[in-house]
């Protein structure tokens, strides 16, 4: 394993991320760093950005159309919910 840089933990338990690491992870102020352990117990740090609207749209498009059961209307759902509430709360 190659050592890229070192950081010192402050009294407030904070770290400064070295510039070389910031560049490798392509992270900037306000971005999120994700800390995880792999299967071998090694610490893995990765850059995680909040999802942009474009990212969310791409994920939704990739998931495909929403599939709803055929033949179920809003009225069917409302009556089913009402029946469940009556059973749960003992109302007829």
PDB file of N, CA and C in Angstrom:
ATOM      1  N   UNK A   1       0.845  -1.169   0.000  1.00  0.00           N
ATOM      2  CA  UNK A   1       0.000   0.000   0.000  1.00  0.00           C
ATOM      3  C   UNK A   1       0.896   1.240   0.000  1.00  0.00           C
ATOM      4  N   UNK A   2       0.561   2.189  -0.836  1.00  0.00           N
ATOM      5  CA  UNK A   2       1.336   3.418  -0.964  1.00  0.00           C
ATOM      6  C   UNK A   2       0.751   4.509  -0.053  1.00  0.00           C
ATOM      7  N   UNK A   3       1.597   5.138   0.752  1.00  0.00           N
ATOM      8  CA  UNK A   3       1.164   6.244   1.606  1.00  0.00           C
ATOM      9  C   UNK A   3       1.175   7.525   0.777  1.00  0.00           C
ATOM     10  N   UNK A   4       0.035   8.182   0.707  1.00  0.00           N
ATOM     11  CA  UNK A   4      -0.089   9.406  -0.081  1.00  0.00           C
ATOM     12  C   UNK A   4       0.208  10.650   0.740  1.00  0.00           C
ATOM     13  N   UNK A   5      -0.251  10.657   1.987  1.00  0.00           N
ATOM     14  CA  UNK A   5      -0.094  11.836   2.845  1.00  0.00           C
ATOM     15  C   UNK A   5      -0.447  11.440   4.270  1.00  0.00           C
ATOM     16  N   UNK A   6      -0.231  12.364   5.178  1.00  0.00           N
ATOM     17  CA  UNK A   6      -0.573  12.140   6.588  1.00  0.00           C
ATOM     18  C   UNK A   6      -1.394  13.311   7.095  1.00  0.00           C
ATOM     19  N   UNK A   7      -2.236  13.022   8.084  1.00  0.00           N
ATOM     20  CA  UNK A   7      -3.013  14.054   8.770  1.00  0.00           C
ATOM     21  C   UNK A   7      -2.883  13.820  10.255  1.00  0.00           C
ATOM     22  N   UNK A   8      -3.006  14.886  11.029  1.00  0.00           N
ATOM     23  CA  UNK A   8      -2.963  14.784  12.478  1.00  0.00           C
ATOM     24  C   UNK A   8      -4.343  15.100  13.035  1.00  0.00           C
ATOM     25  N   UNK A   9      -4.832  14.259  13.923  1.00  0.00           N
ATOM     26  CA  UNK A   9      -6.109  14.473  14.574  1.00  0.00           C
ATOM     27  C   UNK A   9      -5.941  15.558  15.629  1.00  0.00           C
ATOM     28  N   UNK A  10      -6.788  16.588  15.582  1.00  0.00           N
ATOM     29  CA  UNK A  10      -6.688  17.698  16.534  1.00  0.00           C
ATOM     30  C   UNK A  10      -7.352  17.327  17.856  1.00  0.00           C
ATOM     31  N   UNK A  11      -7.212  18.217  18.838  1.00  0.00           N
ATOM     32  CA  UNK A  11      -7.851  18.013  20.142  1.00  0.00           C
ATOM     33  C   UNK A  11      -9.370  17.946  20.012  1.00  0.00           C
ATOM     34  N   UNK A  12      -9.909  18.570  18.974  1.00  0.00           N
ATOM     35  CA  UNK A  12     -11.350  18.557  18.740  1.00  0.00           C
ATOM     36  C   UNK A  12     -11.772  17.372  17.861  1.00  0.00           C
ATOM     37  N   UNK A  13     -10.862  16.419  17.685  1.00  0.00           N
ATOM     38  CA  UNK A  13     -11.095  15.229  16.869  1.00  0.00           C
ATOM     39  C   UNK A  13     -11.452  15.591  15.430  1.00  0.00           C
ATOM     40  N   UNK A  14     -10.736  16.543  14.858  1.00  0.00           N
ATOM     41  CA  UNK A  14     -10.928  16.956  13.474  1.00  0.00           C
ATOM     42  C   UNK A  14      -9.670  16.650  12.678  1.00  0.00           C
ATOM     43  N   UNK A  15      -9.862  16.415  11.381  1.00  0.00           N
ATOM     44  CA  UNK A  15      -8.759  16.149  10.470  1.00  0.00           C
ATOM     45  C   UNK A  15      -8.763  17.169   9.350  1.00  0.00           C
ATOM     46  N   UNK A  16      -7.583  17.498   8.869  1.00  0.00           N
ATOM     47  CA  UNK A  16      -7.466  18.253   7.631  1.00  0.00           C
ATOM     48  C   UNK A  16      -7.133  17.243   6.549  1.00  0.00           C
ATOM     49  N   UNK A  17      -7.945  17.238   5.496  1.00  0.00           N
ATOM     50  CA  UNK A  17      -7.716  16.297   4.409  1.00  0.00           C
ATOM     51  C   UNK A  17      -6.643  16.887   3.499  1.00  0.00           C
ATOM     52  N   UNK A  18      -5.556  16.169   3.288  1.00  0.00           N
ATOM     53  CA  UNK A  18      -4.477  16.683   2.443  1.00  0.00           C
ATOM     54  C   UNK A  18      -4.947  16.975   1.023  1.00  0.00           C
ATOM     55  N   UNK A  19      -4.327  17.966   0.408  1.00  0.00           N
ATOM     56  CA  UNK A  19      -4.712  18.403  -0.931  1.00  0.00           C
ATOM     57  C   UNK A  19      -4.664  17.263  -1.936  1.00  0.00           C
ATOM     58  N   UNK A  20      -3.655  16.410  -1.863  1.00  0.00           N
ATOM     59  CA  UNK A  20      -3.540  15.303  -2.817  1.00  0.00           C
ATOM     60  C   UNK A  20      -4.743  14.363  -2.710  1.00  0.00           C
ATOM     61  N   UNK A  21      -5.234  14.159  -1.495  1.00  0.00           N
ATOM     62  CA  UNK A  21      -6.396  13.292  -1.291  1.00  0.00           C
ATOM     63  C   UNK A  21      -7.663  13.975  -1.812  1.00  0.00           C
ATOM     64  N   UNK A  22      -7.783  15.266  -1.549  1.00  0.00           N
ATOM     65  CA  UNK A  22      -8.933  16.017  -2.071  1.00  0.00           C
ATOM     66  C   UNK A  22      -8.994  15.919  -3.585  1.00  0.00           C
ATOM     67  N   UNK A  23      -7.842  16.025  -4.221  1.00  0.00           N
ATOM     68  CA  UNK A  23      -7.792  15.952  -5.681  1.00  0.00           C
ATOM     69  C   UNK A  23      -8.125  14.546  -6.177  1.00  0.00           C
ATOM     70  N   UNK A  24      -7.598  13.525  -5.515  1.00  0.00           N
ATOM     71  CA  UNK A  24      -7.875  12.144  -5.935  1.00  0.00           C
ATOM     72  C   UNK A  24      -9.349  11.793  -5.793  1.00  0.00           C
ATOM     73  N   UNK A  25      -9.975  12.277  -4.712  1.00  0.00           N
ATOM     74  CA  UNK A  25     -11.387  11.980  -4.481  1.00  0.00           C
ATOM     75  C   UNK A  25     -12.309  12.945  -5.219  1.00  0.00           C
ATOM     76  N   UNK A  26     -11.718  14.015  -5.770  1.00  0.00           N
ATOM     77  CA  UNK A  26     -12.489  15.057  -6.448  1.00  0.00           C
ATOM     78  C   UNK A  26     -13.581  15.597  -5.534  1.00  0.00           C
ATOM     79  N   UNK A  27     -13.189  15.960  -4.306  1.00  0.00           N
ATOM     80  CA  UNK A  27     -14.130  16.545  -3.355  1.00  0.00           C
ATOM     81  C   UNK A  27     -13.773  18.002  -3.106  1.00  0.00           C
ATOM     82  N   UNK A  28     -14.800  18.745  -2.748  1.00  0.00           N
ATOM     83  CA  UNK A  28     -14.654  20.180  -2.519  1.00  0.00           C
ATOM     84  C   UNK A  28     -15.426  20.554  -1.262  1.00  0.00           C
ATOM     85  N   UNK A  29     -15.287  21.796  -0.826  1.00  0.00           N
ATOM     86  CA  UNK A  29     -15.985  22.269   0.369  1.00  0.00           C
ATOM     87  C   UNK A  29     -17.475  21.961   0.257  1.00  0.00           C
ATOM     88  N   UNK A  30     -18.025  21.374   1.309  1.00  0.00           N
ATOM     89  CA  UNK A  30     -19.442  21.035   1.330  1.00  0.00           C
ATOM     90  C   UNK A  30     -19.748  19.621   0.879  1.00  0.00           C
ATOM     91  N   UNK A  31     -18.792  18.957   0.228  1.00  0.00           N
ATOM     92  CA  UNK A  31     -18.999  17.568  -0.182  1.00  0.00           C
ATOM     93  C   UNK A  31     -18.908  16.656   1.037  1.00  0.00           C
ATOM     94  N   UNK A  32     -19.361  15.447   0.865  1.00  0.00           N
ATOM     95  CA  UNK A  32     -19.390  14.473   1.954  1.00  0.00           C
ATOM     96  C   UNK A  32     -18.318  13.417   1.710  1.00  0.00           C
ATOM     97  N   UNK A  33     -17.612  13.038   2.763  1.00  0.00           N
ATOM     98  CA  UNK A  33     -16.694  11.906   2.705  1.00  0.00           C
ATOM     99  C   UNK A  33     -17.376  10.727   3.374  1.00  0.00           C
ATOM    100  N   UNK A  34     -17.336   9.572   2.724  1.00  0.00           N
ATOM    101  CA  UNK A  34     -17.963   8.370   3.251  1.00  0.00           C
ATOM    102  C   UNK A  34     -16.861   7.466   3.780  1.00  0.00           C
ATOM    103  N   UNK A  35     -16.972   7.071   5.047  1.00  0.00           N
ATOM    104  CA  UNK A  35     -15.992   6.216   5.709  1.00  0.00           C
ATOM    105  C   UNK A  35     -16.630   4.838   5.866  1.00  0.00           C
ATOM    106  N   UNK A  36     -15.971   3.789   5.365  1.00  0.00           N
ATOM    107  CA  UNK A  36     -16.528   2.443   5.474  1.00  0.00           C
ATOM    108  C   UNK A  36     -15.400   1.432   5.640  1.00  0.00           C
ATOM    109  N   UNK A  37     -15.774   0.227   6.047  1.00  0.00           N
ATOM    110  CA  UNK A  37     -14.819  -0.877   6.182  1.00  0.00           C
ATOM    111  C   UNK A  37     -15.120  -1.900   5.100  1.00  0.00           C
ATOM    112  N   UNK A  38     -14.062  -2.375   4.418  1.00  0.00           N
ATOM    113  CA  UNK A  38     -14.271  -3.414   3.423  1.00  0.00           C
ATOM    114  C   UNK A  38     -14.284  -4.782   4.109  1.00  0.00           C
ATOM    115  N   UNK A  39     -14.413  -5.845   3.320  1.00  0.00           N
ATOM    116  CA  UNK A  39     -14.521  -7.195   3.864  1.00  0.00           C
ATOM    117  C   UNK A  39     -13.277  -7.619   4.642  1.00  0.00           C
ATOM    118  N   UNK A  40     -12.125  -7.027   4.320  1.00  0.00           N
ATOM    119  CA  UNK A  40     -10.882  -7.375   5.014  1.00  0.00           C
ATOM    120  C   UNK A  40     -10.635  -6.482   6.232  1.00  0.00           C
ATOM    121  N   UNK A  41     -11.569  -5.595   6.539  1.00  0.00           N
ATOM    122  CA  UNK A  41     -11.416  -4.722   7.697  1.00  0.00           C
ATOM    123  C   UNK A  41     -10.594  -3.475   7.414  1.00  0.00           C
ATOM    124  N   UNK A  42     -10.323  -3.192   6.154  1.00  0.00           N
ATOM    125  CA  UNK A  42      -9.562  -2.002   5.781  1.00  0.00           C
ATOM    126  C   UNK A  42     -10.501  -0.798   5.691  1.00  0.00           C
ATOM    127  N   UNK A  43     -10.054   0.328   6.200  1.00  0.00           N
ATOM    128  CA  UNK A  43     -10.830   1.554   6.125  1.00  0.00           C
ATOM    129  C   UNK A  43     -10.795   2.088   4.702  1.00  0.00           C
ATOM    130  N   UNK A  44     -11.961   2.423   4.175  1.00  0.00           N
ATOM    131  CA  UNK A  44     -12.076   2.961   2.829  1.00  0.00           C
ATOM    132  C   UNK A  44     -12.756   4.317   2.930  1.00  0.00           C
ATOM    133  N   UNK A  45     -12.136   5.336   2.344  1.00  0.00           N
ATOM    134  CA  UNK A  45     -12.713   6.669   2.319  1.00  0.00           C
ATOM    135  C   UNK A  45     -13.031   7.011   0.872  1.00  0.00           C
ATOM    136  N   UNK A  46     -14.261   7.410   0.633  1.00  0.00           N
ATOM    137  CA  UNK A  46     -14.651   7.762  -0.730  1.00  0.00           C
ATOM    138  C   UNK A  46     -15.389   9.088  -0.715  1.00  0.00           C
ATOM    139  N   UNK A  47     -15.341   9.754  -1.838  1.00  0.00           N
ATOM    140  CA  UNK A  47     -16.040  11.021  -1.966  1.00  0.00           C
ATOM    141  C   UNK A  47     -17.478  10.767  -2.327  1.00  0.00           C
ATOM    142  N   UNK A  48     -18.366  11.393  -1.619  1.00  0.00           N
ATOM    143  CA  UNK A  48     -19.790  11.260  -1.904  1.00  0.00           C
ATOM    144  C   UNK A  48     -20.401  12.636  -2.001  1.00  0.00           C
ATOM    145  N   UNK A  49     -20.972  12.931  -3.121  1.00  0.00           N
ATOM    146  CA  UNK A  49     -21.613  14.227  -3.308  1.00  0.00           C
ATOM    147  C   UNK A  49     -23.104  14.075  -3.110  1.00  0.00           C
ATOM    148  N   UNK A  50     -23.757  15.112  -2.601  1.00  0.00           N
ATOM    149  CA  UNK A  50     -25.213  15.074  -2.569  1.00  0.00           C
ATOM    150  C   UNK A  50     -25.728  14.920  -4.007  1.00  0.00           C
ATOM    151  N   UNK A  51     -26.770  14.166  -4.167  1.00  0.00           N
ATOM    152  CA  UNK A  51     -27.304  13.934  -5.504  1.00  0.00           C
ATOM    153  C   UNK A  51     -27.919  15.211  -6.065  1.00  0.00           C
ATOM    154  N   UNK A  52     -27.581  15.496  -7.308  1.00  0.00           N
ATOM    155  CA  UNK A  52     -28.186  16.636  -7.984  1.00  0.00           C
ATOM    156  C   UNK A  52     -29.516  16.187  -8.584  1.00  0.00           C
ATOM    157  N   UNK A  53     -30.303  17.139  -9.008  1.00  0.00           N
ATOM    158  CA  UNK A  53     -31.571  16.815  -9.648  1.00  0.00           C
ATOM    159  C   UNK A  53     -31.332  15.951 -10.885  1.00  0.00           C
ATOM    160  N   UNK A  54     -30.271  16.235 -11.621  1.00  0.00           N
ATOM    161  CA  UNK A  54     -29.952  15.434 -12.806  1.00  0.00           C
ATOM    162  C   UNK A  54     -29.642  13.987 -12.412  1.00  0.00           C
ATOM    163  N   UNK A  55     -28.918  13.782 -11.285  1.00  0.00           N
ATOM    164  CA  UNK A  55     -28.624  12.425 -10.814  1.00  0.00           C
ATOM    165  C   UNK A  55     -29.911  11.682 -10.469  1.00  0.00           C
ATOM    166  N   UNK A  56     -30.821  12.373  -9.790  1.00  0.00           N
ATOM    167  CA  UNK A  56     -32.082  11.746  -9.378  1.00  0.00           C
ATOM    168  C   UNK A  56     -32.926  11.400 -10.598  1.00  0.00           C
ATOM    169  N   UNK A  57     -32.991  12.326 -11.554  1.00  0.00           N
ATOM    170  CA  UNK A  57     -33.756  12.047 -12.776  1.00  0.00           C
ATOM    171  C   UNK A  57     -33.187  10.838 -13.518  1.00  0.00           C
ATOM    172  N   UNK A  58     -31.868  10.749 -13.601  1.00  0.00           N
ATOM    173  CA  UNK A  58     -31.233   9.619 -14.293  1.00  0.00           C
ATOM    174  C   UNK A  58     -31.543   8.307 -13.578  1.00  0.00           C
ATOM    175  N   UNK A  59     -31.519   8.313 -12.240  1.00  0.00           N
ATOM    176  CA  UNK A  59     -31.811   7.098 -11.478  1.00  0.00           C
ATOM    177  C   UNK A  59     -33.264   6.676 -11.662  1.00  0.00           C
ATOM    178  N   UNK A  60     -34.177   7.650 -11.661  1.00  0.00           N
ATOM    179  CA  UNK A  60     -35.597   7.331 -11.851  1.00  0.00           C
ATOM    180  C   UNK A  60     -35.824   6.792 -13.260  1.00  0.00           C
ATOM    181  N   UNK A  61     -35.201   7.409 -14.242  1.00  0.00           N
ATOM    182  CA  UNK A  61     -35.359   6.951 -15.622  1.00  0.00           C
ATOM    183  C   UNK A  61     -34.804   5.535 -15.787  1.00  0.00           C
ATOM    184  N   UNK A  62     -33.692   5.243 -15.135  1.00  0.00           N
ATOM    185  CA  UNK A  62     -33.081   3.917 -15.236  1.00  0.00           C
ATOM    186  C   UNK A  62     -33.945   2.852 -14.570  1.00  0.00           C
ATOM    187  N   UNK A  63     -34.701   3.250 -13.542  1.00  0.00           N
ATOM    188  CA  UNK A  63     -35.559   2.291 -12.830  1.00  0.00           C
ATOM    189  C   UNK A  63     -36.752   1.868 -13.670  1.00  0.00           C
ATOM    190  N   UNK A  64     -37.093   2.673 -14.661  1.00  0.00           N
ATOM    191  CA  UNK A  64     -38.215   2.325 -15.535  1.00  0.00           C
ATOM    192  C   UNK A  64     -39.529   2.834 -14.986  1.00  0.00           C
ATOM    193  N   UNK A  65     -40.604   2.548 -15.713  1.00  0.00           N
ATOM    194  CA  UNK A  65     -41.915   3.050 -15.301  1.00  0.00           C
ATOM    195  C   UNK A  65     -42.394   2.387 -14.010  1.00  0.00           C
ATOM    196  N   UNK A  66     -43.210   3.110 -13.275  1.00  0.00           N
ATOM    197  CA  UNK A  66     -43.791   2.571 -12.041  1.00  0.00           C
ATOM    198  C   UNK A  66     -44.869   1.573 -12.430  1.00  0.00           C
ATOM    199  N   UNK A  67     -44.800   0.413 -11.822  1.00  0.00           N
ATOM    200  CA  UNK A  67     -45.786  -0.624 -12.125  1.00  0.00           C
ATOM    201  C   UNK A  67     -46.816  -0.682 -10.999  1.00  0.00           C
ATOM    202  N   UNK A  68     -48.052  -0.452 -11.336  1.00  0.00           N
ATOM    203  CA  UNK A  68     -49.130  -0.558 -10.370  1.00  0.00           C
ATOM    204  C   UNK A  68     -50.010  -1.740 -10.756  1.00  0.00           C
ATOM    205  N   UNK A  69     -50.632  -2.375  -9.772  1.00  0.00           N
ATOM    206  CA  UNK A  69     -51.510  -3.495 -10.107  1.00  0.00           C
ATOM    207  C   UNK A  69     -52.634  -3.024 -11.023  1.00  0.00           C
ATOM    208  N   UNK A  70     -52.918  -3.813 -12.033  1.00  0.00           N
ATOM    209  CA  UNK A  70     -53.975  -3.441 -12.970  1.00  0.00           C
ATOM    210  C   UNK A  70     -55.330  -3.706 -12.329  1.00  0.00           C
ATOM    211  N   UNK A  71     -56.283  -2.862 -12.678  1.00  0.00           N
ATOM    212  CA  UNK A  71     -57.633  -3.045 -12.190  1.00  0.00           C
ATOM    213  C   UNK A  71     -57.884  -2.472 -10.808  1.00  0.00           C
ATOM    214  N   UNK A  72     -56.932  -1.759 -10.233  1.00  0.00           N
ATOM    215  CA  UNK A  72     -57.125  -1.152  -8.922  1.00  0.00           C
ATOM    216  C   UNK A  72     -57.326   0.345  -9.123  1.00  0.00           C
ATOM    217  N   UNK A  73     -58.460   0.817  -8.683  1.00  0.00           N
ATOM    218  CA  UNK A  73     -58.764   2.240  -8.812  1.00  0.00           C
ATOM    219  C   UNK A  73     -58.507   2.937  -7.486  1.00  0.00           C
ATOM    220  N   UNK A  74     -58.560   4.243  -7.520  1.00  0.00           N
ATOM    221  CA  UNK A  74     -58.408   5.022  -6.291  1.00  0.00           C
ATOM    222  C   UNK A  74     -59.538   4.668  -5.326  1.00  0.00           C
ATOM    223  N   UNK A  75     -60.735   4.484  -5.856  1.00  0.00           N
ATOM    224  CA  UNK A  75     -61.872   4.122  -5.003  1.00  0.00           C
ATOM    225  C   UNK A  75     -61.643   2.770  -4.332  1.00  0.00           C
ATOM    226  N   UNK A  76     -61.060   1.796  -5.091  1.00  0.00           N
ATOM    227  CA  UNK A  76     -60.733   0.490  -4.508  1.00  0.00           C
ATOM    228  C   UNK A  76     -59.742   0.647  -3.359  1.00  0.00           C
ATOM    229  N   UNK A  77     -58.729   1.480  -3.566  1.00  0.00           N
ATOM    230  CA  UNK A  77     -57.738   1.690  -2.513  1.00  0.00           C
ATOM    231  C   UNK A  77     -58.367   2.341  -1.292  1.00  0.00           C
ATOM    232  N   UNK A  78     -59.208   3.353  -1.506  1.00  0.00           N
ATOM    233  CA  UNK A  78     -59.864   4.038  -0.380  1.00  0.00           C
ATOM    234  C   UNK A  78     -60.746   3.077   0.407  1.00  0.00           C
ATOM    235  N   UNK A  79     -61.501   2.229  -0.285  1.00  0.00           N
ATOM    236  CA  UNK A  79     -62.374   1.295   0.429  1.00  0.00           C
ATOM    237  C   UNK A  79     -61.545   0.240   1.167  1.00  0.00           C
ATOM    238  N   UNK A  80     -60.442  -0.171   0.589  1.00  0.00           N
ATOM    239  CA  UNK A  80     -59.567  -1.117   1.270  1.00  0.00           C
ATOM    240  C   UNK A  80     -58.956  -0.524   2.530  1.00  0.00           C
ATOM    241  N   UNK A  81     -58.539   0.734   2.460  1.00  0.00           N
ATOM    242  CA  UNK A  81     -57.984   1.418   3.629  1.00  0.00           C
ATOM    243  C   UNK A  81     -59.059   1.568   4.694  1.00  0.00           C
ATOM    244  N   UNK A  82     -60.264   1.956   4.289  1.00  0.00           N
ATOM    245  CA  UNK A  82     -61.366   2.126   5.249  1.00  0.00           C
ATOM    246  C   UNK A  82     -61.680   0.804   5.943  1.00  0.00           C
ATOM    247  N   UNK A  83     -61.686  -0.301   5.191  1.00  0.00           N
ATOM    248  CA  UNK A  83     -61.954  -1.612   5.789  1.00  0.00           C
ATOM    249  C   UNK A  83     -60.874  -1.983   6.792  1.00  0.00           C
ATOM    250  N   UNK A  84     -59.631  -1.713   6.462  1.00  0.00           N
ATOM    251  CA  UNK A  84     -58.528  -2.025   7.382  1.00  0.00           C
ATOM    252  C   UNK A  84     -58.646  -1.191   8.656  1.00  0.00           C
ATOM    253  N   UNK A  85     -58.998   0.081   8.526  1.00  0.00           N
ATOM    254  CA  UNK A  85     -59.143   0.945   9.690  1.00  0.00           C
ATOM    255  C   UNK A  85     -60.287   0.446  10.571  1.00  0.00           C
ATOM    256  N   UNK A  86     -61.379   0.039   9.945  1.00  0.00           N
ATOM    257  CA  UNK A  86     -62.510  -0.487  10.724  1.00  0.00           C
ATOM    258  C   UNK A  86     -62.111  -1.751  11.485  1.00  0.00           C
ATOM    259  N   UNK A  87     -61.367  -2.656  10.816  1.00  0.00           N
ATOM    260  CA  UNK A  87     -60.920  -3.881  11.498  1.00  0.00           C
ATOM    261  C   UNK A  87     -59.962  -3.558  12.631  1.00  0.00           C
ATOM    262  N   UNK A  88     -59.027  -2.655  12.377  1.00  0.00           N
ATOM    263  CA  UNK A  88     -58.009  -2.335  13.375  1.00  0.00           C
ATOM    264  C   UNK A  88     -58.601  -1.646  14.590  1.00  0.00           C
ATOM    265  N   UNK A  89     -59.574  -0.782  14.375  1.00  0.00           N
ATOM    266  CA  UNK A  89     -60.109   0.011  15.480  1.00  0.00           C
ATOM    267  C   UNK A  89     -61.487  -0.459  15.936  1.00  0.00           C
ATOM    268  N   UNK A  90     -61.951  -1.597  15.420  1.00  0.00           N
ATOM    269  CA  UNK A  90     -63.187  -2.198  15.879  1.00  0.00           C
ATOM    270  C   UNK A  90     -64.435  -1.409  15.532  1.00  0.00           C
ATOM    271  N   UNK A  91     -64.402  -0.689  14.459  1.00  0.00           N
ATOM    272  CA  UNK A  91     -65.573   0.069  14.033  1.00  0.00           C
ATOM    273  C   UNK A  91     -66.222  -0.641  12.854  1.00  0.00           C
ATOM    274  N   UNK A  92     -67.514  -0.564  12.801  1.00  0.00           N
ATOM    275  CA  UNK A  92     -68.193  -1.222  11.682  1.00  0.00           C
ATOM    276  C   UNK A  92     -68.866  -0.247  10.765  1.00  0.00           C
TER     277      UNK A  92
END
